[in-house]
N, C-alpha and C. Protein backbone atom coordinates (compact mmCIF):
# COMPACT_ATOMS: atom_id res chain seq x y z
N UNK A 1 0.82 -1.19 -0.01
CA UNK A 1 0.03 0.00 0.00
C UNK A 1 0.87 1.24 -0.02
N UNK A 2 0.58 2.15 -0.81
CA UNK A 2 1.32 3.42 -0.93
C UNK A 2 1.22 4.08 0.50
N UNK A 3 2.31 4.61 0.94
CA UNK A 3 2.31 5.17 2.29
C UNK A 3 1.34 6.31 2.47
N UNK A 4 1.22 7.17 1.40
CA UNK A 4 0.38 8.37 1.54
C UNK A 4 -1.16 7.90 1.48
N UNK A 5 -1.40 6.88 0.62
CA UNK A 5 -2.79 6.41 0.60
C UNK A 5 -3.16 5.70 1.93
N UNK A 6 -2.25 4.95 2.48
CA UNK A 6 -2.48 4.22 3.69
C UNK A 6 -2.71 5.20 4.80
N UNK A 7 -1.95 6.26 4.93
CA UNK A 7 -2.10 7.32 5.84
C UNK A 7 -3.43 8.01 5.70
N UNK A 8 -3.81 8.30 4.44
CA UNK A 8 -5.09 8.98 4.31
C UNK A 8 -6.26 8.11 4.66
N UNK A 9 -6.14 6.74 4.32
CA UNK A 9 -7.21 5.80 4.84
C UNK A 9 -7.33 5.74 6.27
N UNK A 10 -6.18 5.62 6.96
CA UNK A 10 -6.15 5.57 8.38
C UNK A 10 -6.71 6.86 9.04
N UNK A 11 -6.39 7.96 8.47
CA UNK A 11 -6.98 9.21 8.94
C UNK A 11 -8.39 9.38 8.78
N UNK A 12 -8.95 8.91 7.65
CA UNK A 12 -10.35 8.98 7.37
C UNK A 12 -11.05 8.04 8.34
N UNK A 13 -10.39 6.87 8.61
CA UNK A 13 -11.09 5.95 9.53
C UNK A 13 -11.19 6.48 10.95
N UNK A 14 -9.97 7.11 11.35
CA UNK A 14 -9.99 7.65 12.76
C UNK A 14 -10.86 8.87 12.86
N UNK A 15 -10.93 9.72 11.84
CA UNK A 15 -11.76 10.90 11.90
C UNK A 15 -13.26 10.47 11.95
N UNK A 16 -13.61 9.44 11.20
CA UNK A 16 -14.93 9.01 11.15
C UNK A 16 -15.30 8.36 12.46
N UNK A 17 -14.51 7.62 13.10
CA UNK A 17 -14.76 7.07 14.39
C UNK A 17 -15.02 8.07 15.46
N UNK A 18 -14.21 9.19 15.43
CA UNK A 18 -14.38 10.24 16.41
C UNK A 18 -15.73 10.92 16.22
N UNK A 19 -16.05 11.19 14.93
CA UNK A 19 -17.35 11.87 14.65
C UNK A 19 -18.51 10.98 15.06
N UNK A 20 -18.36 9.66 14.88
CA UNK A 20 -19.36 8.77 15.18
C UNK A 20 -19.59 8.71 16.70
N UNK A 21 -18.54 8.70 17.46
CA UNK A 21 -18.59 8.56 18.93
C UNK A 21 -19.15 9.94 19.44
N UNK A 22 -18.62 10.94 19.04
CA UNK A 22 -19.08 12.27 19.45
C UNK A 22 -20.51 12.53 19.18
N UNK A 23 -20.93 12.14 17.92
CA UNK A 23 -22.30 12.32 17.52
C UNK A 23 -23.29 11.48 18.48
N UNK A 24 -22.86 10.30 18.72
CA UNK A 24 -23.67 9.40 19.65
C UNK A 24 -23.69 9.96 21.09
N UNK A 25 -22.56 10.58 21.49
CA UNK A 25 -22.55 11.03 22.89
C UNK A 25 -23.40 12.21 23.04
N UNK A 26 -23.46 13.10 22.07
CA UNK A 26 -24.25 14.36 22.18
C UNK A 26 -25.67 14.26 21.57
N UNK A 27 -25.85 13.07 20.97
CA UNK A 27 -27.31 12.85 20.44
C UNK A 27 -27.46 13.46 19.07
N UNK A 28 -26.40 13.72 18.39
CA UNK A 28 -26.48 14.42 17.05
C UNK A 28 -26.38 13.35 16.03
N UNK A 29 -27.52 12.85 15.47
CA UNK A 29 -27.65 11.78 14.51
C UNK A 29 -26.97 12.10 13.14
N UNK A 30 -27.04 13.34 12.71
CA UNK A 30 -26.36 13.70 11.47
C UNK A 30 -24.88 13.58 11.60
N UNK A 31 -24.33 14.01 12.74
CA UNK A 31 -22.83 13.99 12.90
C UNK A 31 -22.46 12.47 13.05
N UNK A 32 -23.19 11.63 13.74
CA UNK A 32 -22.98 10.29 13.84
C UNK A 32 -23.03 9.59 12.43
N UNK A 33 -24.01 9.88 11.58
CA UNK A 33 -24.09 9.35 10.27
C UNK A 33 -22.87 9.76 9.46
N UNK A 34 -22.49 11.02 9.55
CA UNK A 34 -21.30 11.58 8.84
C UNK A 34 -20.11 10.76 9.23
N UNK A 35 -19.97 10.50 10.52
CA UNK A 35 -18.84 9.72 10.94
C UNK A 35 -18.82 8.26 10.39
N UNK A 36 -19.96 7.73 10.36
CA UNK A 36 -20.07 6.32 9.81
C UNK A 36 -19.71 6.33 8.31
N UNK A 37 -20.19 7.39 7.60
CA UNK A 37 -19.82 7.47 6.15
C UNK A 37 -18.36 7.72 5.93
N UNK A 38 -17.74 8.58 6.79
CA UNK A 38 -16.32 8.84 6.64
C UNK A 38 -15.48 7.57 6.98
N UNK A 39 -15.94 6.88 8.05
CA UNK A 39 -15.20 5.68 8.48
C UNK A 39 -15.28 4.63 7.29
N UNK A 40 -16.43 4.53 6.64
CA UNK A 40 -16.61 3.60 5.55
C UNK A 40 -15.81 3.96 4.39
N UNK A 41 -15.58 5.25 4.07
CA UNK A 41 -14.80 5.72 2.99
C UNK A 41 -13.32 5.32 3.32
N UNK A 42 -12.86 5.49 4.51
CA UNK A 42 -11.50 5.02 4.76
C UNK A 42 -11.32 3.52 4.68
N UNK A 43 -12.33 2.80 5.04
CA UNK A 43 -12.27 1.35 4.92
C UNK A 43 -12.21 0.91 3.43
N UNK A 44 -12.94 1.57 2.64
CA UNK A 44 -12.95 1.31 1.23
C UNK A 44 -11.58 1.64 0.58
N UNK A 45 -11.03 2.78 0.99
CA UNK A 45 -9.74 3.24 0.44
C UNK A 45 -8.67 2.15 0.83
N UNK A 46 -8.70 1.69 2.04
CA UNK A 46 -7.70 0.75 2.48
C UNK A 46 -7.83 -0.53 1.72
N UNK A 47 -9.13 -0.97 1.51
CA UNK A 47 -9.40 -2.25 0.83
C UNK A 47 -8.87 -2.08 -0.60
N UNK A 48 -9.09 -0.93 -1.24
CA UNK A 48 -8.65 -0.72 -2.60
C UNK A 48 -7.11 -0.78 -2.66
N UNK A 49 -6.47 -0.23 -1.70
CA UNK A 49 -5.06 -0.34 -1.72
C UNK A 49 -4.47 -1.78 -1.51
N UNK A 50 -5.15 -2.53 -0.66
CA UNK A 50 -4.75 -3.85 -0.50
C UNK A 50 -4.93 -4.74 -1.80
N UNK A 51 -6.00 -4.43 -2.49
CA UNK A 51 -6.22 -5.07 -3.80
C UNK A 51 -5.11 -4.75 -4.74
N UNK A 52 -4.79 -3.45 -4.89
CA UNK A 52 -3.80 -3.03 -5.74
C UNK A 52 -2.43 -3.71 -5.39
N UNK A 53 -2.09 -3.78 -4.10
CA UNK A 53 -0.81 -4.46 -3.67
C UNK A 53 -0.80 -5.91 -4.00
N UNK A 54 -1.98 -6.59 -3.95
CA UNK A 54 -2.00 -8.05 -4.21
C UNK A 54 -1.75 -8.27 -5.75
N UNK A 55 -2.19 -7.35 -6.53
CA UNK A 55 -1.86 -7.56 -7.98
C UNK A 55 -0.45 -7.14 -8.41
N UNK A 56 0.08 -6.31 -7.61
CA UNK A 56 1.47 -5.79 -7.86
C UNK A 56 2.43 -7.01 -7.75
N UNK A 57 2.14 -7.87 -6.78
CA UNK A 57 2.95 -9.00 -6.35
C UNK A 57 3.00 -10.10 -7.41
N UNK A 58 2.03 -10.15 -8.25
CA UNK A 58 1.99 -11.24 -9.25
C UNK A 58 2.44 -10.88 -10.63
């Protein structure tokens, strides 16, 4: 996985988790949903990079 893409994916996942937790704690459903979306975006980015890495090795 490219280091910058990996860092970006990890950042999105962490930022999403924080928004999700804060949104749940304060009862803000839109912030919580935004956090879930951002976390999913990070997960997808990480998965994409793993697939790219798998094909590079062959």
